[in-house]
């Protein structure tokens, strides 16, 4: 079982594929398809390329409006951002008087395409 494949390297995905072929084992991989910009993660892209089959999980995430959530929005200091590094870890649980990890409060929210493209957050 492989989790968070969006963070795997292309080489790691190729190694997993070789293990499947050479050891005759099944591997189940899980992860996000696209990043906050709507682009494929390198690891996910490669895993999809080498996978024998793809079975989407029936996870029905919902946007704040109730529509199906299809996009992972990165929110920096309360505003959706569409640029930046693919992977950023932020500290959203900051104690009173402490500075956020990178000087910014970074969090992610699932949104429908309409609210993602309009930059509209729920509350």
C-alpha atoms as a PDB file:
ATOM      1  CA  UNK A   1       0.000   0.000   0.000  1.00  0.00           C
ATOM      2  CA  UNK A   2       1.342   3.413  -0.983  1.00  0.00           C
ATOM      3  CA  UNK A   3      -0.193   6.556   0.450  1.00  0.00           C
ATOM      4  CA  UNK A   4       0.293  10.205  -0.507  1.00  0.00           C
ATOM      5  CA  UNK A   5       1.739   9.257  -3.913  1.00  0.00           C
ATOM      6  CA  UNK A   6       1.534  12.884  -4.977  1.00  0.00           C
ATOM      7  CA  UNK A   7       4.741  13.355  -2.959  1.00  0.00           C
ATOM      8  CA  UNK A   8       6.599  10.406  -4.542  1.00  0.00           C
ATOM      9  CA  UNK A   9       9.329  11.022  -7.083  1.00  0.00           C
ATOM     10  CA  UNK A  10       9.113   9.686 -10.628  1.00  0.00           C
ATOM     11  CA  UNK A  11      11.960   7.310  -9.756  1.00  0.00           C
ATOM     12  CA  UNK A  12      10.069   5.959  -6.733  1.00  0.00           C
ATOM     13  CA  UNK A  13       6.996   5.307  -8.890  1.00  0.00           C
ATOM     14  CA  UNK A  14       9.149   3.428 -11.402  1.00  0.00           C
ATOM     15  CA  UNK A  15      10.687   1.368  -8.574  1.00  0.00           C
ATOM     16  CA  UNK A  16       7.216   0.427  -7.345  1.00  0.00           C
ATOM     17  CA  UNK A  17       6.217  -0.632 -10.869  1.00  0.00           C
ATOM     18  CA  UNK A  18       9.332  -2.825 -11.086  1.00  0.00           C
ATOM     19  CA  UNK A  19       8.441  -4.445  -7.741  1.00  0.00           C
ATOM     20  CA  UNK A  20       4.974  -5.257  -9.080  1.00  0.00           C
ATOM     21  CA  UNK A  21       6.455  -6.875 -12.188  1.00  0.00           C
ATOM     22  CA  UNK A  22       9.443  -8.652 -10.635  1.00  0.00           C
ATOM     23  CA  UNK A  23       7.840  -9.792  -7.374  1.00  0.00           C
ATOM     24  CA  UNK A  24       4.337 -10.418  -8.727  1.00  0.00           C
ATOM     25  CA  UNK A  25       2.695  -8.392  -5.958  1.00  0.00           C
ATOM     26  CA  UNK A  26      -0.269  -6.073  -5.975  1.00  0.00           C
ATOM     27  CA  UNK A  27       0.239  -2.475  -4.928  1.00  0.00           C
ATOM     28  CA  UNK A  28      -2.553  -0.111  -4.013  1.00  0.00           C
ATOM     29  CA  UNK A  29      -1.640   3.558  -4.290  1.00  0.00           C
ATOM     30  CA  UNK A  30      -3.586   6.512  -2.932  1.00  0.00           C
ATOM     31  CA  UNK A  31      -3.106  10.227  -3.300  1.00  0.00           C
ATOM     32  CA  UNK A  32      -4.301  13.500  -4.695  1.00  0.00           C
ATOM     33  CA  UNK A  33      -4.523  13.897  -8.458  1.00  0.00           C
ATOM     34  CA  UNK A  34      -3.953  17.647  -8.808  1.00  0.00           C
ATOM     35  CA  UNK A  35      -2.285  20.396  -6.821  1.00  0.00           C
ATOM     36  CA  UNK A  36      -3.726  23.763  -5.786  1.00  0.00           C
ATOM     37  CA  UNK A  37      -3.153  25.071  -9.337  1.00  0.00           C
ATOM     38  CA  UNK A  38      -5.129  22.229 -10.900  1.00  0.00           C
ATOM     39  CA  UNK A  39      -1.971  20.587 -12.299  1.00  0.00           C
ATOM     40  CA  UNK A  40      -0.995  16.944 -11.907  1.00  0.00           C
ATOM     41  CA  UNK A  41       1.565  16.235  -9.206  1.00  0.00           C
ATOM     42  CA  UNK A  42       4.696  14.628 -10.724  1.00  0.00           C
ATOM     43  CA  UNK A  43       4.304  11.520  -8.552  1.00  0.00           C
ATOM     44  CA  UNK A  44       0.624  11.143  -9.356  1.00  0.00           C
ATOM     45  CA  UNK A  45       1.242  11.667 -13.068  1.00  0.00           C
ATOM     46  CA  UNK A  46       3.896   8.962 -13.168  1.00  0.00           C
ATOM     47  CA  UNK A  47       1.866   6.554 -11.046  1.00  0.00           C
ATOM     48  CA  UNK A  48      -1.075   6.959 -13.433  1.00  0.00           C
ATOM     49  CA  UNK A  49       1.278   6.301 -16.371  1.00  0.00           C
ATOM     50  CA  UNK A  50       2.646   3.031 -14.935  1.00  0.00           C
ATOM     51  CA  UNK A  51      -0.505   1.744 -13.213  1.00  0.00           C
ATOM     52  CA  UNK A  52      -2.183  -1.370 -14.568  1.00  0.00           C
ATOM     53  CA  UNK A  53      -5.548   0.091 -13.688  1.00  0.00           C
ATOM     54  CA  UNK A  54      -7.096   3.112 -12.016  1.00  0.00           C
ATOM     55  CA  UNK A  55     -10.067   2.878  -9.689  1.00  0.00           C
ATOM     56  CA  UNK A  56     -11.341   6.232  -8.432  1.00  0.00           C
ATOM     57  CA  UNK A  57     -12.384   6.227  -4.796  1.00  0.00           C
ATOM     58  CA  UNK A  58     -15.966   7.225  -4.186  1.00  0.00           C
ATOM     59  CA  UNK A  59     -15.177  10.051  -1.816  1.00  0.00           C
ATOM     60  CA  UNK A  60     -17.759  12.773  -2.207  1.00  0.00           C
ATOM     61  CA  UNK A  61     -16.108  15.901  -0.910  1.00  0.00           C
ATOM     62  CA  UNK A  62     -18.338  18.953  -0.967  1.00  0.00           C
ATOM     63  CA  UNK A  63     -17.660  22.639  -1.468  1.00  0.00           C
ATOM     64  CA  UNK A  64     -19.095  25.047   1.076  1.00  0.00           C
ATOM     65  CA  UNK A  65     -21.971  25.689  -1.359  1.00  0.00           C
ATOM     66  CA  UNK A  66     -22.911  21.993  -1.432  1.00  0.00           C
ATOM     67  CA  UNK A  67     -21.593  21.280  -4.936  1.00  0.00           C
ATOM     68  CA  UNK A  68     -19.071  18.507  -5.568  1.00  0.00           C
ATOM     69  CA  UNK A  69     -15.577  19.707  -4.583  1.00  0.00           C
ATOM     70  CA  UNK A  70     -13.078  19.127  -7.386  1.00  0.00           C
ATOM     71  CA  UNK A  71     -10.230  21.518  -6.560  1.00  0.00           C
ATOM     72  CA  UNK A  72      -7.757  21.864  -3.691  1.00  0.00           C
ATOM     73  CA  UNK A  73      -7.438  25.574  -2.993  1.00  0.00           C
ATOM     74  CA  UNK A  74      -4.379  26.915  -1.194  1.00  0.00           C
ATOM     75  CA  UNK A  75      -5.343  29.769   1.083  1.00  0.00           C
ATOM     76  CA  UNK A  76      -2.592  32.076   2.318  1.00  0.00           C
ATOM     77  CA  UNK A  77      -3.566  34.616   4.946  1.00  0.00           C
ATOM     78  CA  UNK A  78      -7.239  34.190   4.055  1.00  0.00           C
ATOM     79  CA  UNK A  79      -6.866  34.576   0.254  1.00  0.00           C
ATOM     80  CA  UNK A  80      -6.780  31.872  -2.431  1.00  0.00           C
ATOM     81  CA  UNK A  81      -3.449  31.795  -4.247  1.00  0.00           C
ATOM     82  CA  UNK A  82      -2.803  30.253  -7.649  1.00  0.00           C
ATOM     83  CA  UNK A  83       0.993  30.586  -7.718  1.00  0.00           C
ATOM     84  CA  UNK A  84       3.904  29.295  -5.687  1.00  0.00           C
ATOM     85  CA  UNK A  85       5.758  26.128  -4.843  1.00  0.00           C
ATOM     86  CA  UNK A  86       3.839  22.900  -5.327  1.00  0.00           C
ATOM     87  CA  UNK A  87       4.437  21.767  -1.752  1.00  0.00           C
ATOM     88  CA  UNK A  88       4.213  24.219   1.140  1.00  0.00           C
ATOM     89  CA  UNK A  89       3.655  23.250   4.737  1.00  0.00           C
ATOM     90  CA  UNK A  90       2.140  25.943   6.893  1.00  0.00           C
ATOM     91  CA  UNK A  91       1.256  26.170  10.539  1.00  0.00           C
ATOM     92  CA  UNK A  92      -2.435  26.929  10.856  1.00  0.00           C
ATOM     93  CA  UNK A  93      -2.648  26.274  14.592  1.00  0.00           C
ATOM     94  CA  UNK A  94      -0.661  29.217  15.886  1.00  0.00           C
ATOM     95  CA  UNK A  95      -0.793  30.001  19.597  1.00  0.00           C
ATOM     96  CA  UNK A  96      -1.368  33.577  20.719  1.00  0.00           C
ATOM     97  CA  UNK A  97       1.756  35.661  20.272  1.00  0.00           C
ATOM     98  CA  UNK A  98       3.563  33.116  18.063  1.00  0.00           C
ATOM     99  CA  UNK A  99       4.540  33.696  14.443  1.00  0.00           C
ATOM    100  CA  UNK A 100       3.264  31.301  11.763  1.00  0.00           C
ATOM    101  CA  UNK A 101       5.869  28.875  10.442  1.00  0.00           C
ATOM    102  CA  UNK A 102       6.650  30.824   7.243  1.00  0.00           C
ATOM    103  CA  UNK A 103       5.268  34.201   8.269  1.00  0.00           C
ATOM    104  CA  UNK A 104       1.991  33.261   6.595  1.00  0.00           C
ATOM    105  CA  UNK A 105      -0.998  31.197   7.641  1.00  0.00           C
ATOM    106  CA  UNK A 106      -1.385  28.497   4.983  1.00  0.00           C
ATOM    107  CA  UNK A 107      -4.309  26.125   4.746  1.00  0.00           C
ATOM    108  CA  UNK A 108      -6.143  24.140   2.087  1.00  0.00           C
ATOM    109  CA  UNK A 109      -9.854  23.966   1.325  1.00  0.00           C
ATOM    110  CA  UNK A 110     -11.790  21.809  -1.107  1.00  0.00           C
ATOM    111  CA  UNK A 111     -13.908  23.874  -3.498  1.00  0.00           C
ATOM    112  CA  UNK A 112     -16.065  23.359  -6.563  1.00  0.00           C
ATOM    113  CA  UNK A 113     -14.577  24.624  -9.825  1.00  0.00           C
ATOM    114  CA  UNK A 114     -16.791  27.726  -9.856  1.00  0.00           C
ATOM    115  CA  UNK A 115     -15.708  28.950  -6.427  1.00  0.00           C
ATOM    116  CA  UNK A 116     -12.080  27.934  -7.039  1.00  0.00           C
ATOM    117  CA  UNK A 117     -11.846  29.981 -10.242  1.00  0.00           C
ATOM    118  CA  UNK A 118     -13.691  32.938  -8.708  1.00  0.00           C
ATOM    119  CA  UNK A 119     -11.547  32.818  -5.578  1.00  0.00           C
ATOM    120  CA  UNK A 120     -14.594  32.639  -3.324  1.00  0.00           C
ATOM    121  CA  UNK A 121     -14.331  31.098   0.135  1.00  0.00           C
ATOM    122  CA  UNK A 122     -17.275  30.057   2.271  1.00  0.00           C
ATOM    123  CA  UNK A 123     -16.992  31.975   5.500  1.00  0.00           C
END
